[in-house]
Amino acid sequence: MSPLPPLRTGRAPDPAVRAAVRTALSVSVATGLYGVSFGALSVAAGLDLPQTMALSLLMFSGGSQFAAVGVIGAGGAVGAVVATAGLLGARNGLYGVQVAPLLGAHGWRRLLAAHLTIDESTAVATAQPTRAATRAGFWWTGVGVLVLWNACTLLGALLGDALGDPRRYGLDAAAGAAFLALLWPRLSGTDARQVRTVRVVAVAAAVVALALTPVVPAGVPVLAAAALAVVVGALERPDGPGAGRDDAPVVTP
């Protein structure tokens, strides 16, 4: 049975779920396209096609993948590759603290959810107003990015230098633009308390990341900013009577 929630049930279609799926598909395309760049850079760094595809399929964390091939291309040791990529990927574990209670996944779905817990799936999931939309946003984004990222990685690895610099096509800005589109509505919503919390967290995370960037290894600023957001989100989660229902709102920073 597929983990992807259906768009329709016996009841009328849920507008929030449909909106979550549309957002998930657009984010998946924007993120997946940048896999072309990783494929080309990985081959240029000296990895062959199977090694490149293994990184995309098994590591499946764009920042960690780029860090790994960067260290490899610079002639770094295996230990440096593991440390750098692992440090950047550690933020996904923090995302799990926020996402796991919202999904309620068990068995093999829980293992799949852990693999699909990345920046994009977490951002789309926690931006949704209902529990059903949160689940739809997570699964459709996670699976969509996994499929498109690996397909584009393969394309980039096969074409290599024929593509030229992917930045010429704006692919380096696609993922950032998608995140900005997700964040912007939450900075100007109707719930004054929630909007205030989101703004404070956004500014504090940016300050923490910028302050740490010159003085700590790569990956630590992102990890620290993510930890700050996750802690505030956990403190802000409501524990009222409706918190366990499928139609209960999801309130996160």
C-alpha atoms as a PDB file:
ATOM      1  CA  MET A   1       0.000   0.000   0.000  1.00  0.00           C
ATOM      2  CA  SER A   2       1.355   3.411  -0.966  1.00  0.00           C
ATOM      3  CA  PRO A   3       2.154   5.831   1.885  1.00  0.00           C
ATOM      4  CA  LEU A   4       0.859   8.751  -0.200  1.00  0.00           C
ATOM      5  CA  PRO A   5      -2.514   9.975   1.096  1.00  0.00           C
ATOM      6  CA  PRO A   6      -5.271   9.908  -1.554  1.00  0.00           C
ATOM      7  CA  LEU A   7      -6.523  13.197  -2.943  1.00  0.00           C
ATOM      8  CA  ARG A   8     -10.113  11.988  -2.676  1.00  0.00           C
ATOM      9  CA  THR A   9     -12.067   9.934  -0.198  1.00  0.00           C
ATOM     10  CA  GLY A  10     -15.746   9.109   0.130  1.00  0.00           C
ATOM     11  CA  ARG A  11     -16.227  12.631   1.490  1.00  0.00           C
ATOM     12  CA  ALA A  12     -15.878  15.941  -0.300  1.00  0.00           C
ATOM     13  CA  PRO A  13     -12.260  16.781  -1.245  1.00  0.00           C
ATOM     14  CA  ASP A  14     -10.374  18.579   1.515  1.00  0.00           C
ATOM     15  CA  PRO A  15      -9.220  21.976   0.146  1.00  0.00           C
ATOM     16  CA  ALA A  16      -6.321  22.067   2.628  1.00  0.00           C
ATOM     17  CA  VAL A  17      -5.070  18.662   1.471  1.00  0.00           C
ATOM     18  CA  ARG A  18      -5.317  19.634  -2.189  1.00  0.00           C
ATOM     19  CA  ALA A  19      -3.419  22.867  -1.510  1.00  0.00           C
ATOM     20  CA  ALA A  20      -0.750  20.900   0.372  1.00  0.00           C
ATOM     21  CA  VAL A  21      -0.314  18.541  -2.571  1.00  0.00           C
ATOM     22  CA  ARG A  22       0.003  21.437  -5.024  1.00  0.00           C
ATOM     23  CA  THR A  23       2.661  23.029  -2.818  1.00  0.00           C
ATOM     24  CA  ALA A  24       4.449  19.691  -2.471  1.00  0.00           C
ATOM     25  CA  LEU A  25       4.602  19.197  -6.236  1.00  0.00           C
ATOM     26  CA  SER A  26       5.942  22.700  -6.903  1.00  0.00           C
ATOM     27  CA  VAL A  27       8.610  22.370  -4.193  1.00  0.00           C
ATOM     28  CA  SER A  28       9.559  18.920  -5.502  1.00  0.00           C
ATOM     29  CA  VAL A  29      10.134  20.277  -9.006  1.00  0.00           C
ATOM     30  CA  ALA A  30      12.119  23.301  -7.770  1.00  0.00           C
ATOM     31  CA  THR A  31      14.317  21.135  -5.555  1.00  0.00           C
ATOM     32  CA  GLY A  32      14.621  18.145  -7.853  1.00  0.00           C
ATOM     33  CA  LEU A  33      15.937  20.218 -10.738  1.00  0.00           C
ATOM     34  CA  TYR A  34      18.979  21.220  -8.723  1.00  0.00           C
ATOM     35  CA  GLY A  35      19.953  17.545  -8.601  1.00  0.00           C
ATOM     36  CA  VAL A  36      21.369  18.136 -12.086  1.00  0.00           C
ATOM     37  CA  SER A  37      24.048  20.277 -10.495  1.00  0.00           C
ATOM     38  CA  PHE A  38      24.916  17.619  -7.921  1.00  0.00           C
ATOM     39  CA  GLY A  39      25.205  14.911 -10.569  1.00  0.00           C
ATOM     40  CA  ALA A  40      27.564  17.012 -12.674  1.00  0.00           C
ATOM     41  CA  LEU A  41      29.686  18.115  -9.700  1.00  0.00           C
ATOM     42  CA  SER A  42      29.910  14.594  -8.297  1.00  0.00           C
ATOM     43  CA  VAL A  43      31.290  13.160 -11.532  1.00  0.00           C
ATOM     44  CA  ALA A  44      33.669  16.115 -11.856  1.00  0.00           C
ATOM     45  CA  ALA A  45      34.933  15.394  -8.320  1.00  0.00           C
ATOM     46  CA  GLY A  46      35.936  11.869  -9.364  1.00  0.00           C
ATOM     47  CA  LEU A  47      32.957   9.706  -8.396  1.00  0.00           C
ATOM     48  CA  ASP A  48      31.580   7.301 -10.969  1.00  0.00           C
ATOM     49  CA  LEU A  49      27.899   6.956 -11.887  1.00  0.00           C
ATOM     50  CA  PRO A  50      26.981   4.195  -9.374  1.00  0.00           C
ATOM     51  CA  GLN A  51      28.695   6.071  -6.529  1.00  0.00           C
ATOM     52  CA  THR A  52      26.919   9.299  -7.460  1.00  0.00           C
ATOM     53  CA  MET A  53      23.520   7.606  -7.564  1.00  0.00           C
ATOM     54  CA  ALA A  54      24.170   5.802  -4.276  1.00  0.00           C
ATOM     55  CA  LEU A  55      24.827   9.135  -2.568  1.00  0.00           C
ATOM     56  CA  SER A  56      21.582  10.608  -3.886  1.00  0.00           C
ATOM     57  CA  LEU A  57      19.467   7.583  -3.065  1.00  0.00           C
ATOM     58  CA  LEU A  58      20.928   6.590   0.318  1.00  0.00           C
ATOM     59  CA  MET A  59      22.249   9.835   1.782  1.00  0.00           C
ATOM     60  CA  PHE A  60      19.416  11.892   0.262  1.00  0.00           C
ATOM     61  CA  SER A  61      20.304  15.215   1.833  1.00  0.00           C
ATOM     62  CA  GLY A  62      21.344  17.856  -0.653  1.00  0.00           C
ATOM     63  CA  GLY A  63      23.562  19.878   1.677  1.00  0.00           C
ATOM     64  CA  SER A  64      25.374  16.779   2.903  1.00  0.00           C
ATOM     65  CA  GLN A  65      25.821  15.496  -0.640  1.00  0.00           C
ATOM     66  CA  PHE A  66      27.333  18.740  -1.910  1.00  0.00           C
ATOM     67  CA  ALA A  67      29.596  18.897   1.153  1.00  0.00           C
ATOM     68  CA  ALA A  68      30.756  15.321   0.578  1.00  0.00           C
ATOM     69  CA  VAL A  69      31.680  15.790  -3.080  1.00  0.00           C
ATOM     70  CA  GLY A  70      33.307  19.129  -2.229  1.00  0.00           C
ATOM     71  CA  VAL A  71      35.638  17.471   0.270  1.00  0.00           C
ATOM     72  CA  ILE A  72      36.293  14.584  -2.131  1.00  0.00           C
ATOM     73  CA  GLY A  73      37.062  16.991  -4.974  1.00  0.00           C
ATOM     74  CA  ALA A  74      39.523  18.836  -2.721  1.00  0.00           C
ATOM     75  CA  GLY A  75      41.317  15.579  -1.917  1.00  0.00           C
ATOM     76  CA  GLY A  76      40.003  15.254   1.629  1.00  0.00           C
ATOM     77  CA  ALA A  77      40.250  12.039   3.633  1.00  0.00           C
ATOM     78  CA  VAL A  78      37.319   9.698   4.211  1.00  0.00           C
ATOM     79  CA  GLY A  79      37.035  10.857   7.806  1.00  0.00           C
ATOM     80  CA  ALA A  80      36.660  14.472   6.694  1.00  0.00           C
ATOM     81  CA  VAL A  81      33.960  13.486   4.206  1.00  0.00           C
ATOM     82  CA  VAL A  82      31.969  11.599   6.848  1.00  0.00           C
ATOM     83  CA  ALA A  83      32.358  14.328   9.475  1.00  0.00           C
ATOM     84  CA  THR A  84      31.349  17.179   7.173  1.00  0.00           C
ATOM     85  CA  ALA A  85      28.389  15.404   5.583  1.00  0.00           C
ATOM     86  CA  GLY A  86      27.248  13.981   8.915  1.00  0.00           C
ATOM     87  CA  LEU A  87      27.332  17.356  10.610  1.00  0.00           C
ATOM     88  CA  LEU A  88      25.137  18.916   7.938  1.00  0.00           C
ATOM     89  CA  GLY A  89      22.776  15.930   7.939  1.00  0.00           C
ATOM     90  CA  ALA A  90      22.305  15.987  11.714  1.00  0.00           C
ATOM     91  CA  ARG A  91      19.651  18.688  11.340  1.00  0.00           C
ATOM     92  CA  ASN A  92      17.300  16.102   9.847  1.00  0.00           C
ATOM     93  CA  GLY A  93      17.258  14.348  13.211  1.00  0.00           C
ATOM     94  CA  LEU A  94      16.047  17.580  14.794  1.00  0.00           C
ATOM     95  CA  TYR A  95      13.308  17.829  12.180  1.00  0.00           C
ATOM     96  CA  GLY A  96      12.161  14.360  13.196  1.00  0.00           C
ATOM     97  CA  VAL A  97      11.343  15.626  16.685  1.00  0.00           C
ATOM     98  CA  GLN A  98       8.866  18.047  15.137  1.00  0.00           C
ATOM     99  CA  VAL A  99       7.470  15.871  12.358  1.00  0.00           C
ATOM    100  CA  ALA A 100       7.120  12.409  13.945  1.00  0.00           C
ATOM    101  CA  PRO A 101       4.212  13.276  16.288  1.00  0.00           C
ATOM    102  CA  LEU A 102       2.345  14.916  13.411  1.00  0.00           C
ATOM    103  CA  LEU A 103       2.622  11.922  11.074  1.00  0.00           C
ATOM    104  CA  GLY A 104       1.850   9.101  13.483  1.00  0.00           C
ATOM    105  CA  ALA A 105       3.628   6.645  11.168  1.00  0.00           C
ATOM    106  CA  HIS A 106       4.361   3.073  12.305  1.00  0.00           C
ATOM    107  CA  GLY A 107       6.280   0.048  11.010  1.00  0.00           C
ATOM    108  CA  TRP A 108       7.866   0.376   7.581  1.00  0.00           C
ATOM    109  CA  ARG A 109       6.170   3.750   7.046  1.00  0.00           C
ATOM    110  CA  ARG A 110       8.087   5.111  10.038  1.00  0.00           C
ATOM    111  CA  LEU A 111      11.382   3.983   8.479  1.00  0.00           C
ATOM    112  CA  LEU A 112      10.401   5.529   5.138  1.00  0.00           C
ATOM    113  CA  ALA A 113       9.342   8.746   6.877  1.00  0.00           C
ATOM    114  CA  ALA A 114      12.755   8.946   8.571  1.00  0.00           C
ATOM    115  CA  HIS A 115      14.466   8.712   5.186  1.00  0.00           C
ATOM    116  CA  LEU A 116      12.166  11.362   3.697  1.00  0.00           C
ATOM    117  CA  THR A 117      12.588  13.828   6.576  1.00  0.00           C
ATOM    118  CA  ILE A 118      14.505  16.586   4.831  1.00  0.00           C
ATOM    119  CA  ASP A 119      14.344  20.387   4.682  1.00  0.00           C
ATOM    120  CA  GLU A 120      11.626  20.445   2.033  1.00  0.00           C
ATOM    121  CA  SER A 121       9.259  17.811   3.417  1.00  0.00           C
ATOM    122  CA  THR A 122       9.506  19.323   6.910  1.00  0.00           C
ATOM    123  CA  ALA A 123       8.883  22.847   5.641  1.00  0.00           C
ATOM    124  CA  VAL A 124       5.813  21.878   3.616  1.00  0.00           C
ATOM    125  CA  ALA A 125       4.393  19.642   6.351  1.00  0.00           C
ATOM    126  CA  THR A 126       4.688  22.146   9.186  1.00  0.00           C
ATOM    127  CA  ALA A 127       3.226  24.951   7.050  1.00  0.00           C
ATOM    128  CA  GLN A 128      -0.177  23.230   6.784  1.00  0.00           C
ATOM    129  CA  PRO A 129      -3.254  24.171   8.848  1.00  0.00           C
ATOM    130  CA  THR A 130      -4.643  20.670   9.519  1.00  0.00           C
ATOM    131  CA  ARG A 131      -3.298  17.255  10.464  1.00  0.00           C
ATOM    132  CA  ALA A 132      -4.501  15.671   7.203  1.00  0.00           C
ATOM    133  CA  ALA A 133      -2.860  18.403   5.122  1.00  0.00           C
ATOM    134  CA  THR A 134       0.348  18.034   7.146  1.00  0.00           C
ATOM    135  CA  ARG A 135       0.548  14.337   6.333  1.00  0.00           C
ATOM    136  CA  ALA A 136      -0.252  14.904   2.661  1.00  0.00           C
ATOM    137  CA  GLY A 137       2.325  17.690   2.426  1.00  0.00           C
ATOM    138  CA  PHE A 138       5.038  15.576   4.028  1.00  0.00           C
ATOM    139  CA  TRP A 139       4.538  12.413   1.973  1.00  0.00           C
ATOM    140  CA  TRP A 140       3.969  14.076  -1.380  1.00  0.00           C
ATOM    141  CA  THR A 141       6.968  16.362  -0.907  1.00  0.00           C
ATOM    142  CA  GLY A 142       9.270  13.630   0.396  1.00  0.00           C
ATOM    143  CA  VAL A 143       8.473  11.147  -2.344  1.00  0.00           C
ATOM    144  CA  GLY A 144       8.386  13.852  -5.034  1.00  0.00           C
ATOM    145  CA  VAL A 145      11.815  15.204  -4.118  1.00  0.00           C
ATOM    146  CA  LEU A 146      13.255  11.687  -3.816  1.00  0.00           C
ATOM    147  CA  VAL A 147      12.107  10.742  -7.324  1.00  0.00           C
ATOM    148  CA  LEU A 148      12.980  14.012  -9.071  1.00  0.00           C
ATOM    149  CA  TRP A 149      16.268  14.569  -7.225  1.00  0.00           C
ATOM    150  CA  ASN A 150      17.538  11.135  -8.214  1.00  0.00           C
ATOM    151  CA  ALA A 151      16.287  11.454 -11.790  1.00  0.00           C
ATOM    152  CA  CYS A 152      18.009  14.811 -12.191  1.00  0.00           C
ATOM    153  CA  THR A 153      21.152  13.527 -10.482  1.00  0.00           C
ATOM    154  CA  LEU A 154      21.302  10.798 -13.112  1.00  0.00           C
ATOM    155  CA  LEU A 155      20.805  13.369 -15.866  1.00  0.00           C
ATOM    156  CA  GLY A 156      23.561  15.605 -14.517  1.00  0.00           C
ATOM    157  CA  ALA A 157      25.977  12.699 -14.072  1.00  0.00           C
ATOM    158  CA  LEU A 158      25.391  11.460 -17.617  1.00  0.00           C
ATOM    159  CA  LEU A 159      25.614  14.822 -19.341  1.00  0.00           C
ATOM    160  CA  GLY A 160      28.352  16.284 -17.123  1.00  0.00           C
ATOM    161  CA  ASP A 161      30.216  19.139 -18.730  1.00  0.00           C
ATOM    162  CA  ALA A 162      27.754  19.346 -21.628  1.00  0.00           C
ATOM    163  CA  LEU A 163      25.344  21.149 -19.298  1.00  0.00           C
ATOM    164  CA  GLY A 164      27.793  23.869 -18.336  1.00  0.00           C
ATOM    165  CA  ASP A 165      27.390  25.730 -15.068  1.00  0.00           C
ATOM    166  CA  PRO A 166      23.888  24.983 -13.671  1.00  0.00           C
ATOM    167  CA  ARG A 167      23.816  28.465 -12.146  1.00  0.00           C
ATOM    168  CA  ARG A 168      23.317  29.844 -15.650  1.00  0.00           C
ATOM    169  CA  TYR A 169      19.797  28.378 -15.570  1.00  0.00           C
ATOM    170  CA  GLY A 170      18.984  29.708 -12.114  1.00  0.00           C
ATOM    171  CA  LEU A 171      18.875  26.229 -10.573  1.00  0.00           C
ATOM    172  CA  ASP A 172      20.951  27.338  -7.607  1.00  0.00           C
ATOM    173  CA  ALA A 173      18.196  29.794  -6.645  1.00  0.00           C
ATOM    174  CA  ALA A 174      15.221  27.471  -7.196  1.00  0.00           C
ATOM    175  CA  ALA A 175      15.268  25.769  -3.803  1.00  0.00           C
ATOM    176  CA  GLY A 176      15.819  29.051  -1.952  1.00  0.00           C
ATOM    177  CA  ALA A 177      12.908  30.636  -3.796  1.00  0.00           C
ATOM    178  CA  ALA A 178      10.673  27.716  -2.880  1.00  0.00           C
ATOM    179  CA  PHE A 179      11.568  28.087   0.813  1.00  0.00           C
ATOM    180  CA  LEU A 180      10.869  31.818   0.695  1.00  0.00           C
ATOM    181  CA  ALA A 181       7.462  31.142  -0.846  1.00  0.00           C
ATOM    182  CA  LEU A 182       6.683  28.749   2.021  1.00  0.00           C
ATOM    183  CA  LEU A 183       7.896  31.133   4.704  1.00  0.00           C
ATOM    184  CA  TRP A 184       6.364  34.371   3.497  1.00  0.00           C
ATOM    185  CA  PRO A 185       2.654  33.613   4.214  1.00  0.00           C
ATOM    186  CA  ARG A 186       3.576  32.626   7.768  1.00  0.00           C
ATOM    187  CA  LEU A 187       5.133  36.036   8.383  1.00  0.00           C
ATOM    188  CA  SER A 188       1.834  37.798   7.696  1.00  0.00           C
ATOM    189  CA  GLY A 189      -0.981  35.487   8.815  1.00  0.00           C
ATOM    190  CA  THR A 190      -4.152  36.238  10.784  1.00  0.00           C
ATOM    191  CA  ASP A 191      -3.042  34.733  14.109  1.00  0.00           C
ATOM    192  CA  ALA A 192      -1.105  37.607  15.699  1.00  0.00           C
ATOM    193  CA  ARG A 193       0.550  35.450  18.360  1.00  0.00           C
ATOM    194  CA  GLN A 194       1.713  32.826  15.864  1.00  0.00           C
ATOM    195  CA  VAL A 195       2.977  35.446  13.391  1.00  0.00           C
ATOM    196  CA  ARG A 196       4.940  37.142  16.164  1.00  0.00           C
ATOM    197  CA  THR A 197       6.512  33.821  17.161  1.00  0.00           C
ATOM    198  CA  VAL A 198       7.438  33.000  13.557  1.00  0.00           C
ATOM    199  CA  ARG A 199       9.065  36.386  13.052  1.00  0.00           C
ATOM    200  CA  VAL A 200      11.052  36.157  16.276  1.00  0.00           C
ATOM    201  CA  VAL A 201      12.241  32.628  15.414  1.00  0.00           C
ATOM    202  CA  ALA A 202      13.170  33.630  11.845  1.00  0.00           C
ATOM    203  CA  VAL A 203      15.218  36.625  13.001  1.00  0.00           C
ATOM    204  CA  ALA A 204      16.851  34.737  15.885  1.00  0.00           C
ATOM    205  CA  ALA A 205      17.775  31.776  13.645  1.00  0.00           C
ATOM    206  CA  ALA A 206      19.279  34.120  11.045  1.00  0.00           C
ATOM    207  CA  VAL A 207      21.309  35.948  13.695  1.00  0.00           C
ATOM    208  CA  VAL A 208      22.577  32.681  15.181  1.00  0.00           C
ATOM    209  CA  ALA A 209      23.568  31.308  11.765  1.00  0.00           C
ATOM    210  CA  LEU A 210      25.326  34.516  10.680  1.00  0.00           C
ATOM    211  CA  ALA A 211      27.163  34.870  13.992  1.00  0.00           C
ATOM    212  CA  LEU A 212      28.462  31.295  13.942  1.00  0.00           C
ATOM    213  CA  THR A 213      29.417  31.090  10.243  1.00  0.00           C
ATOM    214  CA  PRO A 214      32.857  32.749  10.569  1.00  0.00           C
ATOM    215  CA  VAL A 215      33.929  30.830  13.680  1.00  0.00           C
ATOM    216  CA  VAL A 216      32.639  27.244  13.457  1.00  0.00           C
ATOM    217  CA  PRO A 217      32.910  24.394  10.912  1.00  0.00           C
ATOM    218  CA  ALA A 218      30.493  24.195   7.981  1.00  0.00           C
ATOM    219  CA  GLY A 219      27.149  22.786   9.013  1.00  0.00           C
ATOM    220  CA  VAL A 220      27.179  23.976  12.622  1.00  0.00           C
ATOM    221  CA  PRO A 221      25.378  27.302  11.892  1.00  0.00           C
ATOM    222  CA  VAL A 222      22.562  25.492  10.077  1.00  0.00           C
ATOM    223  CA  LEU A 223      22.343  22.904  12.841  1.00  0.00           C
ATOM    224  CA  ALA A 224      22.179  25.574  15.554  1.00  0.00           C
ATOM    225  CA  ALA A 225      19.510  27.577  13.726  1.00  0.00           C
ATOM    226  CA  ALA A 226      17.430  24.441  13.141  1.00  0.00           C
ATOM    227  CA  ALA A 227      17.758  23.440  16.794  1.00  0.00           C
ATOM    228  CA  LEU A 228      16.497  26.844  17.870  1.00  0.00           C
ATOM    229  CA  ALA A 229      13.434  26.594  15.611  1.00  0.00           C
ATOM    230  CA  VAL A 230      12.647  23.022  16.706  1.00  0.00           C
ATOM    231  CA  VAL A 231      12.862  23.895  20.410  1.00  0.00           C
ATOM    232  CA  VAL A 232      10.528  26.869  20.012  1.00  0.00           C
ATOM    233  CA  GLY A 233       8.136  24.787  17.909  1.00  0.00           C
ATOM    234  CA  ALA A 234       8.003  22.077  20.569  1.00  0.00           C
ATOM    235  CA  LEU A 235       7.292  24.652  23.268  1.00  0.00           C
ATOM    236  CA  GLU A 236       4.544  26.275  21.205  1.00  0.00           C
ATOM    237  CA  ARG A 237       2.698  23.037  20.243  1.00  0.00           C
ATOM    238  CA  PRO A 238      -0.795  23.008  21.776  1.00  0.00           C
ATOM    239  CA  ASP A 239      -1.721  20.164  24.138  1.00  0.00           C
ATOM    240  CA  GLY A 240      -5.432  20.899  24.201  1.00  0.00           C
ATOM    241  CA  PRO A 241      -8.282  18.398  23.780  1.00  0.00           C
ATOM    242  CA  GLY A 242      -8.136  18.513  19.988  1.00  0.00           C
ATOM    243  CA  ALA A 243      -4.416  17.849  19.667  1.00  0.00           C
ATOM    244  CA  GLY A 244      -4.826  14.183  18.805  1.00  0.00           C
ATOM    245  CA  ARG A 245      -7.641  14.466  16.265  1.00  0.00           C
ATOM    246  CA  ASP A 246      -7.038  14.153  12.543  1.00  0.00           C
ATOM    247  CA  ASP A 247      -8.759  17.493  11.925  1.00  0.00           C
ATOM    248  CA  ALA A 248      -6.924  19.365  14.669  1.00  0.00           C
ATOM    249  CA  PRO A 249      -4.961  22.402  13.478  1.00  0.00           C
ATOM    250  CA  VAL A 250      -1.204  22.135  13.322  1.00  0.00           C
ATOM    251  CA  VAL A 251       0.395  25.147  14.966  1.00  0.00           C
ATOM    252  CA  THR A 252       4.133  25.420  14.518  1.00  0.00           C
ATOM    253  CA  PRO A 253       6.522  28.337  14.230  1.00  0.00           C
END
